[in-house]
Amino acid sequence: MKKKVFDIIVIVVIALFLLTLSGFDLLEKSAKFMFIPILAFYFIGQWTERKSKKE
């Protein structure tokens, strides 16, 4: 599976998960944005993986 396809799948799954939780009012106002740092750390991990393979 190509890297971009996998990244898009991860983003869509996280978005659907958040929308589902939000639809059932299981998220508080500030908790709706809790996956933004998780997504940021995911892409930082991808970047560091690419940097470590080059060295």
PDB file of N, CA and C in Angstrom:
ATOM      1  N   MET A   1       0.844  -1.164   0.000  1.00  0.00           N
ATOM      2  CA  MET A   1       0.000   0.000   0.000  1.00  0.00           C
ATOM      3  C   MET A   1       0.899   1.240   0.000  1.00  0.00           C
ATOM      4  N   LYS A   2       0.572   2.194  -0.821  1.00  0.00           N
ATOM      5  CA  LYS A   2       1.382   3.395  -0.909  1.00  0.00           C
ATOM      6  C   LYS A   2       1.220   4.241   0.336  1.00  0.00           C
ATOM      7  N   LYS A   3       2.243   5.025   0.628  1.00  0.00           N
ATOM      8  CA  LYS A   3       2.275   5.833   1.844  1.00  0.00           C
ATOM      9  C   LYS A   3       1.153   6.878   1.866  1.00  0.00           C
ATOM     10  N   LYS A   4       0.910   7.545   0.742  1.00  0.00           N
ATOM     11  CA  LYS A   4      -0.128   8.575   0.702  1.00  0.00           C
ATOM     12  C   LYS A   4      -1.508   7.976   0.912  1.00  0.00           C
ATOM     13  N   VAL A   5      -1.741   6.809   0.358  1.00  0.00           N
ATOM     14  CA  VAL A   5      -3.039   6.151   0.536  1.00  0.00           C
ATOM     15  C   VAL A   5      -3.239   5.807   2.009  1.00  0.00           C
ATOM     16  N   PHE A   6      -2.199   5.294   2.644  1.00  0.00           N
ATOM     17  CA  PHE A   6      -2.288   4.958   4.059  1.00  0.00           C
ATOM     18  C   PHE A   6      -2.534   6.208   4.907  1.00  0.00           C
ATOM     19  N   ASP A   7      -1.855   7.313   4.592  1.00  0.00           N
ATOM     20  CA  ASP A   7      -2.052   8.560   5.318  1.00  0.00           C
ATOM     21  C   ASP A   7      -3.488   9.059   5.184  1.00  0.00           C
ATOM     22  N   ILE A   8      -4.027   8.978   3.981  1.00  0.00           N
ATOM     23  CA  ILE A   8      -5.404   9.424   3.759  1.00  0.00           C
ATOM     24  C   ILE A   8      -6.382   8.541   4.519  1.00  0.00           C
ATOM     25  N   ILE A   9      -6.126   7.241   4.539  1.00  0.00           N
ATOM     26  CA  ILE A   9      -6.992   6.320   5.277  1.00  0.00           C
ATOM     27  C   ILE A   9      -6.970   6.641   6.767  1.00  0.00           C
ATOM     28  N   VAL A  10      -5.785   6.924   7.315  1.00  0.00           N
ATOM     29  CA  VAL A  10      -5.674   7.264   8.737  1.00  0.00           C
ATOM     30  C   VAL A  10      -6.447   8.544   9.044  1.00  0.00           C
ATOM     31  N   ILE A  11      -6.316   9.553   8.199  1.00  0.00           N
ATOM     32  CA  ILE A  11      -7.022  10.810   8.415  1.00  0.00           C
ATOM     33  C   ILE A  11      -8.535  10.602   8.358  1.00  0.00           C
ATOM     34  N   VAL A  12      -8.997   9.832   7.395  1.00  0.00           N
ATOM     35  CA  VAL A  12     -10.433   9.582   7.255  1.00  0.00           C
ATOM     36  C   VAL A  12     -10.968   8.793   8.447  1.00  0.00           C
ATOM     37  N   VAL A  13     -10.224   7.799   8.904  1.00  0.00           N
ATOM     38  CA  VAL A  13     -10.672   6.994  10.050  1.00  0.00           C
ATOM     39  C   VAL A  13     -10.756   7.858  11.307  1.00  0.00           C
ATOM     40  N   ILE A  14      -9.769   8.696  11.544  1.00  0.00           N
ATOM     41  CA  ILE A  14      -9.810   9.577  12.709  1.00  0.00           C
ATOM     42  C   ILE A  14     -10.973  10.554  12.610  1.00  0.00           C
ATOM     43  N   ALA A  15     -11.203  11.103  11.409  1.00  0.00           N
ATOM     44  CA  ALA A  15     -12.309  12.041  11.219  1.00  0.00           C
ATOM     45  C   ALA A  15     -13.657  11.359  11.448  1.00  0.00           C
ATOM     46  N   LEU A  16     -13.823  10.148  10.914  1.00  0.00           N
ATOM     47  CA  LEU A  16     -15.078   9.424  11.124  1.00  0.00           C
ATOM     48  C   LEU A  16     -15.294   9.074  12.589  1.00  0.00           C
ATOM     49  N   PHE A  17     -14.224   8.702  13.275  1.00  0.00           N
ATOM     50  CA  PHE A  17     -14.314   8.400  14.694  1.00  0.00           C
ATOM     51  C   PHE A  17     -14.753   9.630  15.486  1.00  0.00           C
ATOM     52  N   LEU A  18     -14.162  10.784  15.181  1.00  0.00           N
ATOM     53  CA  LEU A  18     -14.547  12.012  15.864  1.00  0.00           C
ATOM     54  C   LEU A  18     -15.977  12.417  15.545  1.00  0.00           C
ATOM     55  N   LEU A  19     -16.377  12.285  14.294  1.00  0.00           N
ATOM     56  CA  LEU A  19     -17.752  12.625  13.932  1.00  0.00           C
ATOM     57  C   LEU A  19     -18.760  11.720  14.627  1.00  0.00           C
ATOM     58  N   THR A  20     -18.436  10.446  14.751  1.00  0.00           N
ATOM     59  CA  THR A  20     -19.318   9.510  15.440  1.00  0.00           C
ATOM     60  C   THR A  20     -19.443   9.869  16.915  1.00  0.00           C
ATOM     61  N   LEU A  21     -18.318  10.125  17.564  1.00  0.00           N
ATOM     62  CA  LEU A  21     -18.362  10.513  18.972  1.00  0.00           C
ATOM     63  C   LEU A  21     -19.095  11.830  19.167  1.00  0.00           C
ATOM     64  N   SER A  22     -18.891  12.762  18.253  1.00  0.00           N
ATOM     65  CA  SER A  22     -19.562  14.053  18.348  1.00  0.00           C
ATOM     66  C   SER A  22     -21.065  13.903  18.122  1.00  0.00           C
ATOM     67  N   GLY A  23     -21.453  13.009  17.236  1.00  0.00           N
ATOM     68  CA  GLY A  23     -22.872  12.785  16.971  1.00  0.00           C
ATOM     69  C   GLY A  23     -23.622  12.251  18.178  1.00  0.00           C
ATOM     70  N   PHE A  24     -22.962  11.490  18.999  1.00  0.00           N
ATOM     71  CA  PHE A  24     -23.576  10.964  20.217  1.00  0.00           C
ATOM     72  C   PHE A  24     -23.324  11.846  21.436  1.00  0.00           C
ATOM     73  N   ASP A  25     -22.792  13.043  21.215  1.00  0.00           N
ATOM     74  CA  ASP A  25     -22.475  14.006  22.289  1.00  0.00           C
ATOM     75  C   ASP A  25     -21.574  13.397  23.354  1.00  0.00           C
ATOM     76  N   LEU A  26     -20.603  12.620  22.925  1.00  0.00           N
ATOM     77  CA  LEU A  26     -19.664  12.011  23.862  1.00  0.00           C
ATOM     78  C   LEU A  26     -18.390  12.842  24.014  1.00  0.00           C
ATOM     79  N   LEU A  27     -18.310  13.927  23.282  1.00  0.00           N
ATOM     80  CA  LEU A  27     -17.137  14.790  23.373  1.00  0.00           C
ATOM     81  C   LEU A  27     -17.520  16.105  24.024  1.00  0.00           C
ATOM     82  N   GLU A  28     -16.655  16.562  24.882  1.00  0.00           N
ATOM     83  CA  GLU A  28     -16.860  17.890  25.446  1.00  0.00           C
ATOM     84  C   GLU A  28     -16.319  18.910  24.462  1.00  0.00           C
ATOM     85  N   LYS A  29     -16.502  20.168  24.767  1.00  0.00           N
ATOM     86  CA  LYS A  29     -16.075  21.219  23.844  1.00  0.00           C
ATOM     87  C   LYS A  29     -14.587  21.142  23.531  1.00  0.00           C
ATOM     88  N   SER A  30     -13.744  20.981  24.522  1.00  0.00           N
ATOM     89  CA  SER A  30     -12.301  20.963  24.276  1.00  0.00           C
ATOM     90  C   SER A  30     -11.815  19.603  23.784  1.00  0.00           C
ATOM     91  N   ALA A  31     -12.536  18.543  24.082  1.00  0.00           N
ATOM     92  CA  ALA A  31     -12.101  17.208  23.691  1.00  0.00           C
ATOM     93  C   ALA A  31     -12.302  16.941  22.203  1.00  0.00           C
ATOM     94  N   LYS A  32     -13.075  17.776  21.530  1.00  0.00           N
ATOM     95  CA  LYS A  32     -13.291  17.586  20.099  1.00  0.00           C
ATOM     96  C   LYS A  32     -12.001  17.733  19.312  1.00  0.00           C
ATOM     97  N   PHE A  33     -11.058  18.450  19.863  1.00  0.00           N
ATOM     98  CA  PHE A  33      -9.814  18.721  19.159  1.00  0.00           C
ATOM     99  C   PHE A  33      -8.659  17.874  19.667  1.00  0.00           C
ATOM    100  N   MET A  34      -8.934  16.809  20.403  1.00  0.00           N
ATOM    101  CA  MET A  34      -7.858  16.026  21.002  1.00  0.00           C
ATOM    102  C   MET A  34      -7.078  15.215  19.977  1.00  0.00           C
ATOM    103  N   PHE A  35      -7.650  14.964  18.803  1.00  0.00           N
ATOM    104  CA  PHE A  35      -6.941  14.176  17.804  1.00  0.00           C
ATOM    105  C   PHE A  35      -6.018  15.014  16.932  1.00  0.00           C
ATOM    106  N   ILE A  36      -6.102  16.327  17.037  1.00  0.00           N
ATOM    107  CA  ILE A  36      -5.194  17.179  16.259  1.00  0.00           C
ATOM    108  C   ILE A  36      -3.745  16.955  16.684  1.00  0.00           C
ATOM    109  N   PRO A  37      -3.419  16.948  17.986  1.00  0.00           N
ATOM    110  CA  PRO A  37      -2.029  16.626  18.359  1.00  0.00           C
ATOM    111  C   PRO A  37      -1.637  15.202  18.001  1.00  0.00           C
ATOM    112  N   ILE A  38      -2.562  14.259  18.098  1.00  0.00           N
ATOM    113  CA  ILE A  38      -2.262  12.873  17.731  1.00  0.00           C
ATOM    114  C   ILE A  38      -1.907  12.797  16.250  1.00  0.00           C
ATOM    115  N   LEU A  39      -2.666  13.491  15.427  1.00  0.00           N
ATOM    116  CA  LEU A  39      -2.389  13.515  13.998  1.00  0.00           C
ATOM    117  C   LEU A  39      -1.065  14.212  13.710  1.00  0.00           C
ATOM    118  N   ALA A  40      -0.771  15.273  14.444  1.00  0.00           N
ATOM    119  CA  ALA A  40       0.506  15.968  14.266  1.00  0.00           C
ATOM    120  C   ALA A  40       1.666  15.046  14.632  1.00  0.00           C
ATOM    121  N   PHE A  41       1.557  14.340  15.743  1.00  0.00           N
ATOM    122  CA  PHE A  41       2.623  13.423  16.146  1.00  0.00           C
ATOM    123  C   PHE A  41       2.756  12.263  15.171  1.00  0.00           C
ATOM    124  N   TYR A  42       1.665  11.852  14.547  1.00  0.00           N
ATOM    125  CA  TYR A  42       1.723  10.802  13.532  1.00  0.00           C
ATOM    126  C   TYR A  42       2.602  11.252  12.365  1.00  0.00           C
ATOM    127  N   PHE A  43       2.364  12.473  11.880  1.00  0.00           N
ATOM    128  CA  PHE A  43       3.146  12.959  10.752  1.00  0.00           C
ATOM    129  C   PHE A  43       4.587  13.296  11.153  1.00  0.00           C
ATOM    130  N   ILE A  44       4.808  13.729  12.390  1.00  0.00           N
ATOM    131  CA  ILE A  44       6.177  13.941  12.866  1.00  0.00           C
ATOM    132  C   ILE A  44       6.915  12.601  12.908  1.00  0.00           C
ATOM    133  N   GLY A  45       6.229  11.552  13.331  1.00  0.00           N
ATOM    134  CA  GLY A  45       6.823  10.216  13.337  1.00  0.00           C
ATOM    135  C   GLY A  45       7.152   9.741  11.935  1.00  0.00           C
ATOM    136  N   GLN A  46       6.283  10.028  10.991  1.00  0.00           N
ATOM    137  CA  GLN A  46       6.559   9.667   9.603  1.00  0.00           C
ATOM    138  C   GLN A  46       7.796  10.411   9.097  1.00  0.00           C
ATOM    139  N   TRP A  47       7.905  11.668   9.437  1.00  0.00           N
ATOM    140  CA  TRP A  47       9.038  12.492   8.993  1.00  0.00           C
ATOM    141  C   TRP A  47      10.350  11.987   9.595  1.00  0.00           C
ATOM    142  N   THR A  48      10.340  11.673  10.893  1.00  0.00           N
ATOM    143  CA  THR A  48      11.550  11.185  11.521  1.00  0.00           C
ATOM    144  C   THR A  48      11.942   9.807  10.992  1.00  0.00           C
ATOM    145  N   GLU A  49      10.963   8.997  10.630  1.00  0.00           N
ATOM    146  CA  GLU A  49      11.261   7.684  10.040  1.00  0.00           C
ATOM    147  C   GLU A  49      11.981   7.866   8.707  1.00  0.00           C
ATOM    148  N   ARG A  50      11.511   8.789   7.891  1.00  0.00           N
ATOM    149  CA  ARG A  50      12.178   9.044   6.609  1.00  0.00           C
ATOM    150  C   ARG A  50      13.583   9.601   6.808  1.00  0.00           C
ATOM    151  N   LYS A  51      13.750  10.481   7.805  1.00  0.00           N
ATOM    152  CA  LYS A  51      15.068  11.066   8.064  1.00  0.00           C
ATOM    153  C   LYS A  51      16.038  10.001   8.554  1.00  0.00           C
ATOM    154  N   SER A  52      15.577   9.070   9.378  1.00  0.00           N
ATOM    155  CA  SER A  52      16.475   8.055   9.928  1.00  0.00           C
ATOM    156  C   SER A  52      16.862   7.024   8.860  1.00  0.00           C
ATOM    157  N   LYS A  53      16.013   6.789   7.883  1.00  0.00           N
ATOM    158  CA  LYS A  53      16.350   5.844   6.819  1.00  0.00           C
ATOM    159  C   LYS A  53      17.402   6.412   5.882  1.00  0.00           C
ATOM    160  N   LYS A  54      17.446   7.724   5.716  1.00  0.00           N
ATOM    161  CA  LYS A  54      18.426   8.347   4.817  1.00  0.00           C
ATOM    162  C   LYS A  54      19.820   8.291   5.392  1.00  0.00           C
ATOM    163  N   GLU A  55      19.934   8.294   6.706  1.00  0.00           N
ATOM    164  CA  GLU A  55      21.264   8.320   7.335  1.00  0.00           C
ATOM    165  C   GLU A  55      21.901   6.959   7.388  1.00  0.00           C
TER     166      GLU A  55
END
